[in-house]
Amino acid sequence: MAGSQSDGRLSDVKFLTVAEVATVMRVSKMTVYRLVHSGELTAVRVGRSFRVPEHAVHEYLRGAFQETA
């Protein structure tokens, strides 16, 4: 069953708050909000707040690092 497999993978995803992302990236929360609103950083809206998949943060940083190299 494809649905149950995707549910299993979704439960393995670790979501970070905007504050946690800001700490990892060493930027302000406002910078994280700008990245989310511009679509550069994937996020899920939960109520009035955002949650960012941890892998999205790593992908963003990997891409930013490759652009500067």
PDB file of N, CA and C in Angstrom:
ATOM      1  N   MET A   1       0.814  -1.180   0.000  1.00  0.00           N
ATOM      2  CA  MET A   1       0.000   0.000   0.000  1.00  0.00           C
ATOM      3  C   MET A   1       0.865   1.254   0.000  1.00  0.00           C
ATOM      4  N   ALA A   2       0.742   2.050  -1.013  1.00  0.00           N
ATOM      5  CA  ALA A   2       1.569   3.244  -1.163  1.00  0.00           C
ATOM      6  C   ALA A   2       1.276   4.262  -0.071  1.00  0.00           C
ATOM      7  N   GLY A   3       0.020   4.413   0.314  1.00  0.00           N
ATOM      8  CA  GLY A   3      -0.345   5.394   1.343  1.00  0.00           C
ATOM      9  C   GLY A   3       0.323   5.122   2.672  1.00  0.00           C
ATOM     10  N   SER A   4       0.367   3.853   3.061  1.00  0.00           N
ATOM     11  CA  SER A   4       0.970   3.546   4.350  1.00  0.00           C
ATOM     12  C   SER A   4       2.480   3.734   4.319  1.00  0.00           C
ATOM     13  N   GLN A   5       3.108   3.536   3.146  1.00  0.00           N
ATOM     14  CA  GLN A   5       4.550   3.750   3.052  1.00  0.00           C
ATOM     15  C   GLN A   5       4.884   5.229   3.201  1.00  0.00           C
ATOM     16  N   SER A   6       4.112   6.090   2.545  1.00  0.00           N
ATOM     17  CA  SER A   6       4.396   7.517   2.656  1.00  0.00           C
ATOM     18  C   SER A   6       4.129   8.004   4.078  1.00  0.00           C
ATOM     19  N   ASP A   7       3.124   7.456   4.745  1.00  0.00           N
ATOM     20  CA  ASP A   7       2.863   7.824   6.135  1.00  0.00           C
ATOM     21  C   ASP A   7       4.047   7.443   7.011  1.00  0.00           C
ATOM     22  N   GLY A   8       4.651   6.299   6.753  1.00  0.00           N
ATOM     23  CA  GLY A   8       5.805   5.857   7.529  1.00  0.00           C
ATOM     24  C   GLY A   8       6.983   6.792   7.348  1.00  0.00           C
ATOM     25  N   ARG A   9       7.219   7.234   6.134  1.00  0.00           N
ATOM     26  CA  ARG A   9       8.325   8.154   5.876  1.00  0.00           C
ATOM     27  C   ARG A   9       8.052   9.521   6.487  1.00  0.00           C
ATOM     28  N   LEU A  10       6.801   9.957   6.449  1.00  0.00           N
ATOM     29  CA  LEU A  10       6.454  11.257   7.017  1.00  0.00           C
ATOM     30  C   LEU A  10       6.689  11.266   8.523  1.00  0.00           C
ATOM     31  N   SER A  11       6.445  10.159   9.173  1.00  0.00           N
ATOM     32  CA  SER A  11       6.666  10.112  10.624  1.00  0.00           C
ATOM     33  C   SER A  11       8.151  10.148  10.971  1.00  0.00           C
ATOM     34  N   ASP A  12       9.014   9.859   9.995  1.00  0.00           N
ATOM     35  CA  ASP A  12      10.457   9.918  10.224  1.00  0.00           C
ATOM     36  C   ASP A  12      11.024  11.324  10.063  1.00  0.00           C
ATOM     37  N   VAL A  13      10.223  12.228   9.498  1.00  0.00           N
ATOM     38  CA  VAL A  13      10.684  13.598   9.265  1.00  0.00           C
ATOM     39  C   VAL A  13      10.709  14.357  10.582  1.00  0.00           C
ATOM     40  N   LYS A  14      11.836  15.031  10.833  1.00  0.00           N
ATOM     41  CA  LYS A  14      11.934  15.869  12.032  1.00  0.00           C
ATOM     42  C   LYS A  14      11.667  17.312  11.612  1.00  0.00           C
ATOM     43  N   PHE A  15      10.699  17.933  12.269  1.00  0.00           N
ATOM     44  CA  PHE A  15      10.343  19.306  11.965  1.00  0.00           C
ATOM     45  C   PHE A  15      10.962  20.240  12.992  1.00  0.00           C
ATOM     46  N   LEU A  16      11.454  21.375  12.519  1.00  0.00           N
ATOM     47  CA  LEU A  16      12.075  22.377  13.376  1.00  0.00           C
ATOM     48  C   LEU A  16      11.221  23.640  13.393  1.00  0.00           C
ATOM     49  N   THR A  17      11.239  24.342  14.507  1.00  0.00           N
ATOM     50  CA  THR A  17      10.569  25.629  14.579  1.00  0.00           C
ATOM     51  C   THR A  17      11.435  26.670  13.872  1.00  0.00           C
ATOM     52  N   VAL A  18      10.845  27.823  13.613  1.00  0.00           N
ATOM     53  CA  VAL A  18      11.601  28.906  12.989  1.00  0.00           C
ATOM     54  C   VAL A  18      12.779  29.303  13.875  1.00  0.00           C
ATOM     55  N   ALA A  19      12.575  29.344  15.173  1.00  0.00           N
ATOM     56  CA  ALA A  19      13.657  29.694  16.100  1.00  0.00           C
ATOM     57  C   ALA A  19      14.789  28.671  16.035  1.00  0.00           C
ATOM     58  N   GLU A  20      14.449  27.383  15.943  1.00  0.00           N
ATOM     59  CA  GLU A  20      15.467  26.346  15.861  1.00  0.00           C
ATOM     60  C   GLU A  20      16.248  26.443  14.553  1.00  0.00           C
ATOM     61  N   VAL A  21      15.541  26.727  13.457  1.00  0.00           N
ATOM     62  CA  VAL A  21      16.209  26.901  12.161  1.00  0.00           C
ATOM     63  C   VAL A  21      17.158  28.093  12.224  1.00  0.00           C
ATOM     64  N   ALA A  22      16.703  29.184  12.824  1.00  0.00           N
ATOM     65  CA  ALA A  22      17.540  30.374  12.949  1.00  0.00           C
ATOM     66  C   ALA A  22      18.809  30.068  13.740  1.00  0.00           C
ATOM     67  N   THR A  23      18.686  29.267  14.774  1.00  0.00           N
ATOM     68  CA  THR A  23      19.853  28.890  15.574  1.00  0.00           C
ATOM     69  C   THR A  23      20.822  28.041  14.759  1.00  0.00           C
ATOM     70  N   VAL A  24      20.301  27.066  14.034  1.00  0.00           N
ATOM     71  CA  VAL A  24      21.149  26.184  13.218  1.00  0.00           C
ATOM     72  C   VAL A  24      21.884  26.991  12.150  1.00  0.00           C
ATOM     73  N   MET A  25      21.159  27.914  11.507  1.00  0.00           N
ATOM     74  CA  MET A  25      21.734  28.686  10.412  1.00  0.00           C
ATOM     75  C   MET A  25      22.499  29.921  10.902  1.00  0.00           C
ATOM     76  N   ARG A  26      22.359  30.236  12.186  1.00  0.00           N
ATOM     77  CA  ARG A  26      22.980  31.422  12.785  1.00  0.00           C
ATOM     78  C   ARG A  26      22.543  32.705  12.081  1.00  0.00           C
ATOM     79  N   VAL A  27      21.229  32.797  11.910  1.00  0.00           N
ATOM     80  CA  VAL A  27      20.604  34.000  11.355  1.00  0.00           C
ATOM     81  C   VAL A  27      19.433  34.382  12.252  1.00  0.00           C
ATOM     82  N   SER A  28      18.797  35.493  11.940  1.00  0.00           N
ATOM     83  CA  SER A  28      17.633  35.909  12.738  1.00  0.00           C
ATOM     84  C   SER A  28      16.390  35.136  12.307  1.00  0.00           C
ATOM     85  N   LYS A  29      15.392  35.153  13.166  1.00  0.00           N
ATOM     86  CA  LYS A  29      14.115  34.519  12.825  1.00  0.00           C
ATOM     87  C   LYS A  29      13.493  35.209  11.619  1.00  0.00           C
ATOM     88  N   MET A  30      13.659  36.511  11.510  1.00  0.00           N
ATOM     89  CA  MET A  30      13.107  37.248  10.374  1.00  0.00           C
ATOM     90  C   MET A  30      13.709  36.754   9.060  1.00  0.00           C
ATOM     91  N   THR A  31      14.984  36.439   9.054  1.00  0.00           N
ATOM     92  CA  THR A  31      15.628  35.898   7.852  1.00  0.00           C
ATOM     93  C   THR A  31      14.998  34.568   7.476  1.00  0.00           C
ATOM     94  N   VAL A  32      14.720  33.732   8.458  1.00  0.00           N
ATOM     95  CA  VAL A  32      14.078  32.442   8.193  1.00  0.00           C
ATOM     96  C   VAL A  32      12.685  32.667   7.623  1.00  0.00           C
ATOM     97  N   TYR A  33      11.927  33.591   8.209  1.00  0.00           N
ATOM     98  CA  TYR A  33      10.588  33.897   7.690  1.00  0.00           C
ATOM     99  C   TYR A  33      10.664  34.377   6.245  1.00  0.00           C
ATOM    100  N   ARG A  34      11.655  35.197   5.924  1.00  0.00           N
ATOM    101  CA  ARG A  34      11.814  35.678   4.545  1.00  0.00           C
ATOM    102  C   ARG A  34      12.089  34.516   3.592  1.00  0.00           C
ATOM    103  N   LEU A  35      12.943  33.591   4.006  1.00  0.00           N
ATOM    104  CA  LEU A  35      13.252  32.426   3.179  1.00  0.00           C
ATOM    105  C   LEU A  35      12.017  31.564   2.960  1.00  0.00           C
ATOM    106  N   VAL A  36      11.217  31.405   4.001  1.00  0.00           N
ATOM    107  CA  VAL A  36       9.992  30.606   3.898  1.00  0.00           C
ATOM    108  C   VAL A  36       8.994  31.292   2.960  1.00  0.00           C
ATOM    109  N   HIS A  37       8.775  32.582   3.164  1.00  0.00           N
ATOM    110  CA  HIS A  37       7.790  33.303   2.349  1.00  0.00           C
ATOM    111  C   HIS A  37       8.206  33.418   0.891  1.00  0.00           C
ATOM    112  N   SER A  38       9.515  33.465   0.631  1.00  0.00           N
ATOM    113  CA  SER A  38       9.986  33.553  -0.756  1.00  0.00           C
ATOM    114  C   SER A  38       9.984  32.197  -1.449  1.00  0.00           C
ATOM    115  N   GLY A  39       9.818  31.127  -0.672  1.00  0.00           N
ATOM    116  CA  GLY A  39       9.811  29.789  -1.249  1.00  0.00           C
ATOM    117  C   GLY A  39      11.185  29.151  -1.329  1.00  0.00           C
ATOM    118  N   GLU A  40      12.213  29.847  -0.852  1.00  0.00           N
ATOM    119  CA  GLU A  40      13.569  29.297  -0.882  1.00  0.00           C
ATOM    120  C   GLU A  40      13.757  28.173   0.143  1.00  0.00           C
ATOM    121  N   LEU A  41      12.959  28.203   1.191  1.00  0.00           N
ATOM    122  CA  LEU A  41      13.032  27.200   2.250  1.00  0.00           C
ATOM    123  C   LEU A  41      11.643  26.598   2.431  1.00  0.00           C
ATOM    124  N   THR A  42      11.557  25.285   2.285  1.00  0.00           N
ATOM    125  CA  THR A  42      10.284  24.578   2.407  1.00  0.00           C
ATOM    126  C   THR A  42       9.802  24.599   3.848  1.00  0.00           C
ATOM    127  N   ALA A  43       8.520  24.859   4.040  1.00  0.00           N
ATOM    128  CA  ALA A  43       7.945  24.858   5.383  1.00  0.00           C
ATOM    129  C   ALA A  43       6.484  24.442   5.313  1.00  0.00           C
ATOM    130  N   VAL A  44       5.980  23.985   6.453  1.00  0.00           N
ATOM    131  CA  VAL A  44       4.583  23.596   6.586  1.00  0.00           C
ATOM    132  C   VAL A  44       3.958  24.518   7.616  1.00  0.00           C
ATOM    133  N   ARG A  45       2.794  25.015   7.293  1.00  0.00           N
ATOM    134  CA  ARG A  45       2.100  25.890   8.239  1.00  0.00           C
ATOM    135  C   ARG A  45       1.294  25.028   9.204  1.00  0.00           C
ATOM    136  N   VAL A  46       1.497  25.240  10.488  1.00  0.00           N
ATOM    137  CA  VAL A  46       0.760  24.535  11.536  1.00  0.00           C
ATOM    138  C   VAL A  46       0.093  25.604  12.387  1.00  0.00           C
ATOM    139  N   GLY A  47      -1.208  25.767  12.181  1.00  0.00           N
ATOM    140  CA  GLY A  47      -1.903  26.851  12.873  1.00  0.00           C
ATOM    141  C   GLY A  47      -1.371  28.176  12.384  1.00  0.00           C
ATOM    142  N   ARG A  48      -0.846  28.980  13.299  1.00  0.00           N
ATOM    143  CA  ARG A  48      -0.297  30.286  12.927  1.00  0.00           C
ATOM    144  C   ARG A  48       1.214  30.266  12.814  1.00  0.00           C
ATOM    145  N   SER A  49       1.830  29.116  12.997  1.00  0.00           N
ATOM    146  CA  SER A  49       3.288  29.041  12.949  1.00  0.00           C
ATOM    147  C   SER A  49       3.760  28.137  11.815  1.00  0.00           C
ATOM    148  N   PHE A  50       5.037  28.166  11.560  1.00  0.00           N
ATOM    149  CA  PHE A  50       5.642  27.339  10.525  1.00  0.00           C
ATOM    150  C   PHE A  50       6.524  26.273  11.154  1.00  0.00           C
ATOM    151  N   ARG A  51       6.602  25.128  10.486  1.00  0.00           N
ATOM    152  CA  ARG A  51       7.548  24.079  10.851  1.00  0.00           C
ATOM    153  C   ARG A  51       8.333  23.749   9.593  1.00  0.00           C
ATOM    154  N   VAL A  52       9.635  23.633   9.759  1.00  0.00           N
ATOM    155  CA  VAL A  52      10.525  23.397   8.628  1.00  0.00           C
ATOM    156  C   VAL A  52      11.116  22.001   8.754  1.00  0.00           C
ATOM    157  N   PRO A  53      10.971  21.169   7.710  1.00  0.00           N
ATOM    158  CA  PRO A  53      11.595  19.848   7.762  1.00  0.00           C
ATOM    159  C   PRO A  53      13.116  20.005   7.868  1.00  0.00           C
ATOM    160  N   GLU A  54      13.721  19.227   8.740  1.00  0.00           N
ATOM    161  CA  GLU A  54      15.164  19.336   8.961  1.00  0.00           C
ATOM    162  C   GLU A  54      15.941  19.139   7.665  1.00  0.00           C
ATOM    163  N   HIS A  55      15.483  18.194   6.825  1.00  0.00           N
ATOM    164  CA  HIS A  55      16.201  17.939   5.572  1.00  0.00           C
ATOM    165  C   HIS A  55      16.152  19.162   4.653  1.00  0.00           C
ATOM    166  N   ALA A  56      15.111  19.981   4.741  1.00  0.00           N
ATOM    167  CA  ALA A  56      15.013  21.188   3.910  1.00  0.00           C
ATOM    168  C   ALA A  56      16.090  22.200   4.304  1.00  0.00           C
ATOM    169  N   VAL A  57      16.383  22.279   5.595  1.00  0.00           N
ATOM    170  CA  VAL A  57      17.437  23.178   6.069  1.00  0.00           C
ATOM    171  C   VAL A  57      18.782  22.717   5.523  1.00  0.00           C
ATOM    172  N   HIS A  58      19.040  21.408   5.607  1.00  0.00           N
ATOM    173  CA  HIS A  58      20.310  20.871   5.114  1.00  0.00           C
ATOM    174  C   HIS A  58      20.447  21.063   3.607  1.00  0.00           C
ATOM    175  N   GLU A  59      19.358  20.854   2.867  1.00  0.00           N
ATOM    176  CA  GLU A  59      19.384  21.051   1.413  1.00  0.00           C
ATOM    177  C   GLU A  59      19.646  22.513   1.070  1.00  0.00           C
ATOM    178  N   TYR A  60      19.009  23.419   1.790  1.00  0.00           N
ATOM    179  CA  TYR A  60      19.209  24.844   1.536  1.00  0.00           C
ATOM    180  C   TYR A  60      20.667  25.224   1.784  1.00  0.00           C
ATOM    181  N   LEU A  61      21.199  24.791   2.909  1.00  0.00           N
ATOM    182  CA  LEU A  61      22.585  25.130   3.239  1.00  0.00           C
ATOM    183  C   LEU A  61      23.562  24.496   2.258  1.00  0.00           C
ATOM    184  N   ARG A  62      23.292  23.273   1.830  1.00  0.00           N
ATOM    185  CA  ARG A  62      24.150  22.604   0.853  1.00  0.00           C
ATOM    186  C   ARG A  62      24.147  23.396  -0.455  1.00  0.00           C
ATOM    187  N   GLY A  63      22.962  23.836  -0.887  1.00  0.00           N
ATOM    188  CA  GLY A  63      22.858  24.621  -2.107  1.00  0.00           C
ATOM    189  C   GLY A  63      23.544  25.973  -1.985  1.00  0.00           C
ATOM    190  N   ALA A  64      23.397  26.618  -0.838  1.00  0.00           N
ATOM    191  CA  ALA A  64      24.043  27.911  -0.619  1.00  0.00           C
ATOM    192  C   ALA A  64      25.553  27.762  -0.589  1.00  0.00           C
ATOM    193  N   PHE A  65      26.026  26.659  -0.024  1.00  0.00           N
ATOM    194  CA  PHE A  65      27.482  26.417   0.053  1.00  0.00           C
ATOM    195  C   PHE A  65      28.036  26.176  -1.342  1.00  0.00           C
ATOM    196  N   GLN A  66      27.301  25.433  -2.174  1.00  0.00           N
ATOM    197  CA  GLN A  66      27.778  25.147  -3.529  1.00  0.00           C
ATOM    198  C   GLN A  66      27.809  26.399  -4.391  1.00  0.00           C
ATOM    199  N   GLU A  67      26.881  27.336  -4.147  1.00  0.00           N
ATOM    200  CA  GLU A  67      26.862  28.576  -4.918  1.00  0.00           C
ATOM    201  C   GLU A  67      28.080  29.435  -4.610  1.00  0.00           C
ATOM    202  N   THR A  68      28.581  29.384  -3.377  1.00  0.00           N
ATOM    203  CA  THR A  68      29.724  30.204  -2.996  1.00  0.00           C
ATOM    204  C   THR A  68      31.049  29.550  -3.340  1.00  0.00           C
ATOM    205  N   ALA A  69      31.033  28.239  -3.577  1.00  0.00           N
ATOM    206  CA  ALA A  69      32.285  27.520  -3.855  1.00  0.00           C
ATOM    207  C   ALA A  69      32.724  27.676  -5.287  1.00  0.00           C
TER     208      ALA A  69
END
